Every structure is written in structure tokens, then in C-alpha cells.
Amino acid sequence: MPAMRDPRHPPLLDMTPEGEFRDPPRPSRLDRILAKTGGIAVLVLLATGGLVLAAVAVFFAALLLPVVVAAGAVAFVSLWWRARRMRRQGLDPRIFRVVVRR
């Protein structure tokens, strides 16, 4: 889709009196340096943003680690308590098994 142009400012065609088009002026040295510096700054920004995103992910994983440990401890105590109650009742606690299928 072509870019919308302002009708008050039509495109400028720079031509010589002989009818040939003139080449656009070369960008100044400062413009070229600023363009390269801006490109490098964008690359640094993207790399830093990626590192920040990874750090945030690690931070949230570290926040969830105590929750996982606590849930594992609760599950262990629950299974241990059930096996203890089964032994008190004279039942074989080996019939109570955790099966992991692969």
C-alpha cells in the first residue's frame, strides 16, 4: 500500500535544465555515524531486553521453588501418615503404592 502523502506538499523532482534527474545529496558524516550508533543501540537494547526477560523468568521460578518444596513435603507427610495408620490397623502398607507410568 503506498504511503499517504500530504496534498499540500507534492513530491519534489530535482532535475537539471537538460531534463536529467539529480542524485540525492550524500548523507553527511555525522548522519552516517548517528545511523550506525543508533543501529548498535537498538541491538544492545534487544540483547538487554532478552536478558531482563530471562532474569524475570528465573526470578519467578525461584519464587515458585518454595511452593513446590512445601507441596512435596505435604504429599510425603500425607503418604507417610496413611501408611502409619494402615500399620496400626494391621494392614500391609505395601498395598498402598504410588505408581508412575512412563
Protein backbone atom coordinates (compact mmCIF):
# COMPACT_ATOMS: atom_id res chain seq x y z
CA MET A 1 0.00 0.00 0.00
CA PRO A 2 1.57 3.33 -0.97
CA ALA A 3 2.31 5.79 1.75
CA MET A 4 -0.18 8.62 2.18
CA ARG A 5 1.22 11.93 1.02
CA ASP A 6 0.24 15.40 2.11
CA PRO A 7 -1.56 17.02 -0.89
CA ARG A 8 -0.25 20.45 0.11
CA HIS A 9 3.35 19.27 -0.42
CA PRO A 10 3.65 17.24 -3.62
CA PRO A 11 6.83 15.20 -4.18
CA LEU A 12 9.80 17.23 -5.35
CA LEU A 13 11.54 16.13 -8.56
CA ASP A 14 15.03 17.59 -8.73
CA MET A 15 16.00 17.87 -12.41
CA THR A 16 18.71 19.65 -14.35
CA PRO A 17 17.78 22.07 -17.16
CA GLU A 18 18.67 19.27 -19.63
CA GLY A 19 15.93 17.04 -18.11
CA GLU A 20 18.14 14.62 -16.17
CA PHE A 21 17.46 13.73 -12.57
CA ARG A 22 19.97 14.83 -9.99
CA ASP A 23 21.33 12.35 -7.49
CA PRO A 24 20.15 12.88 -3.94
CA PRO A 25 22.75 14.52 -1.74
CA ARG A 26 25.02 12.17 0.19
CA PRO A 27 24.29 12.00 3.89
CA SER A 28 26.78 13.88 5.97
CA ARG A 29 29.43 12.08 8.00
CA LEU A 30 27.55 12.90 11.19
CA ASP A 31 24.35 11.35 9.79
CA ARG A 32 26.21 8.14 8.92
CA ILE A 33 27.82 7.97 12.37
CA LEU A 34 24.48 8.59 14.07
CA ALA A 35 22.80 5.90 11.94
CA LYS A 36 25.45 3.31 12.87
CA THR A 37 25.34 4.33 16.53
CA GLY A 38 21.55 4.08 16.52
CA GLY A 39 21.70 0.61 14.99
CA ILE A 40 24.17 -0.56 17.61
CA ALA A 41 21.99 0.97 20.33
CA VAL A 42 18.97 -0.98 19.05
CA LEU A 43 20.97 -4.23 19.12
CA VAL A 44 22.13 -3.52 22.68
CA LEU A 45 18.54 -2.72 23.64
CA LEU A 46 17.27 -6.04 22.23
CA ALA A 47 20.03 -8.05 23.92
CA THR A 48 19.47 -6.31 27.25
CA GLY A 49 15.71 -6.78 26.96
CA GLY A 50 16.22 -10.50 26.36
CA LEU A 51 18.46 -10.78 29.40
CA VAL A 52 15.95 -8.91 31.55
CA LEU A 53 13.17 -11.23 30.34
CA ALA A 54 15.29 -14.28 31.20
CA ALA A 55 16.10 -12.82 34.62
CA VAL A 56 12.40 -12.22 35.33
CA ALA A 57 11.62 -15.82 34.34
CA VAL A 58 14.34 -17.14 36.67
CA PHE A 59 13.07 -14.86 39.44
CA PHE A 60 9.51 -16.21 39.16
CA ALA A 61 10.81 -19.78 39.00
CA ALA A 62 12.77 -19.10 42.20
CA LEU A 63 9.60 -17.74 43.82
CA LEU A 64 7.77 -20.96 42.94
CA LEU A 65 10.52 -23.22 44.28
CA PRO A 66 9.43 -22.97 47.96
CA VAL A 67 5.85 -23.71 46.90
CA VAL A 68 7.00 -26.89 45.15
CA VAL A 69 9.09 -27.97 48.14
CA ALA A 70 6.19 -27.33 50.55
CA ALA A 71 3.75 -29.26 48.34
CA GLY A 72 6.20 -32.17 48.17
CA ALA A 73 6.59 -32.15 51.94
CA VAL A 74 2.81 -32.14 52.45
CA ALA A 75 2.43 -35.03 49.99
CA PHE A 76 5.19 -37.01 51.73
CA VAL A 77 3.71 -36.46 55.19
CA SER A 78 0.25 -37.43 53.93
CA LEU A 79 1.50 -40.69 52.41
CA TRP A 80 3.60 -41.45 55.49
CA TRP A 81 0.64 -40.83 57.79
CA ARG A 82 -1.61 -43.12 55.77
CA ALA A 83 0.98 -45.90 55.81
CA ARG A 84 1.36 -45.46 59.58
CA ARG A 85 -2.41 -45.70 60.10
CA MET A 86 -2.55 -48.83 57.93
CA ARG A 87 0.19 -50.45 60.04
CA ARG A 88 -1.77 -49.62 63.23
CA GLN A 89 -4.85 -51.27 61.79
CA GLY A 90 -2.85 -54.38 60.94
CA LEU A 91 -2.93 -53.86 57.19
CA ASP A 92 0.06 -54.26 54.95
CA PRO A 93 1.18 -50.74 53.94
CA ARG A 94 2.82 -52.15 50.82
CA ILE A 95 -0.61 -52.42 49.16
CA PHE A 96 -0.66 -48.65 49.19
CA ARG A 97 1.66 -47.82 46.29
CA VAL A 98 2.43 -44.87 44.12
CA VAL A 99 2.55 -45.93 40.50
CA VAL A 100 4.43 -43.89 37.91
CA ARG A 101 3.75 -44.85 34.31
CA ARG A 102 6.14 -43.94 31.54
